[in-house]
Amino acid sequence: MSSLAGSTRQAPDARQAAHWWSLAAQHGHPLAAHRLAELYRQGGEGLDADPQLAERYAGRAGELGL
């Protein structure tokens, strides 16, 4: 999560956040899948929007009960 917040020492990095959330979603964390869906819908620093991935992760979040 801190990857998207950034700090005075490091800029936000959506690609890094997507990496960690993807690992969490693969291991059954529904909120991570939901956040990935949102991130891929909007895109972010270092990560282009991807509607197909957004739908995939939204579906995964639903499968996991969110």
Protein backbone atom coordinates (compact mmCIF):
# COMPACT_ATOMS: atom_id res chain seq x y z
CA MET A 1 0.00 0.00 0.00
CA SER A 2 2.80 2.41 0.76
CA SER A 3 3.90 2.00 -2.86
CA LEU A 4 0.93 4.10 -3.93
CA ALA A 5 1.20 6.63 -1.13
CA GLY A 6 4.75 7.70 -1.91
CA SER A 7 6.85 9.59 0.60
CA THR A 8 9.40 12.37 0.71
CA ARG A 9 12.03 9.83 -0.32
CA GLN A 10 10.14 7.77 -2.87
CA ALA A 11 7.50 8.57 -5.49
CA PRO A 12 4.33 6.47 -5.78
CA ASP A 13 4.91 3.28 -7.76
CA ALA A 14 1.73 1.61 -9.03
CA ARG A 15 3.71 -1.15 -10.73
CA GLN A 16 5.25 -2.20 -7.43
CA ALA A 17 1.88 -2.02 -5.67
CA ALA A 18 0.36 -4.18 -8.42
CA HIS A 19 3.12 -6.74 -7.93
CA TRP A 20 2.48 -7.13 -4.20
CA TRP A 21 -1.30 -7.02 -4.50
CA SER A 22 -1.12 -9.64 -7.25
CA LEU A 23 0.80 -11.98 -4.96
CA ALA A 24 -1.75 -11.43 -2.21
CA ALA A 25 -4.68 -11.99 -4.59
CA GLN A 26 -3.12 -15.23 -5.84
CA HIS A 27 -3.03 -16.41 -2.23
CA GLY A 28 -6.72 -15.67 -1.65
CA HIS A 29 -6.80 -12.10 -0.32
CA PRO A 30 -10.05 -10.56 -1.63
CA LEU A 31 -9.20 -6.93 -0.83
CA ALA A 32 -5.96 -7.21 -2.80
CA ALA A 33 -7.90 -8.47 -5.83
CA HIS A 34 -10.36 -5.59 -5.44
CA ARG A 35 -7.58 -3.01 -5.19
CA LEU A 36 -5.91 -4.46 -8.28
CA ALA A 37 -9.18 -4.14 -10.18
CA GLU A 38 -9.40 -0.47 -9.19
CA LEU A 39 -5.76 0.15 -10.00
CA TYR A 40 -6.00 -1.44 -13.46
CA ARG A 41 -9.22 0.48 -14.18
CA GLN A 42 -7.54 3.82 -13.49
CA GLY A 43 -3.86 3.16 -14.10
CA GLY A 44 -1.26 4.91 -11.99
CA GLU A 45 2.35 6.03 -11.73
CA GLY A 46 4.30 3.55 -13.86
CA LEU A 47 1.25 1.43 -14.75
CA ASP A 48 -1.13 1.86 -17.68
CA ALA A 49 -4.84 1.23 -17.29
CA ASP A 50 -5.86 -2.24 -18.48
CA PRO A 51 -9.62 -2.86 -18.59
CA GLN A 52 -9.20 -6.60 -19.22
CA LEU A 53 -7.03 -7.09 -16.14
CA ALA A 54 -9.39 -4.88 -14.17
CA GLU A 55 -12.30 -7.20 -15.00
CA ARG A 56 -10.22 -10.29 -14.26
CA TYR A 57 -9.31 -9.06 -10.80
CA ALA A 58 -12.85 -7.82 -10.12
CA GLY A 59 -14.04 -11.33 -10.90
CA ARG A 60 -11.38 -12.80 -8.63
CA ALA A 61 -12.46 -10.48 -5.80
CA GLY A 62 -16.02 -11.73 -6.28
CA GLU A 63 -14.86 -15.36 -6.23
CA LEU A 64 -13.12 -14.63 -2.96
CA GLY A 65 -16.27 -13.20 -1.42
CA LEU A 66 -15.85 -9.45 -1.83
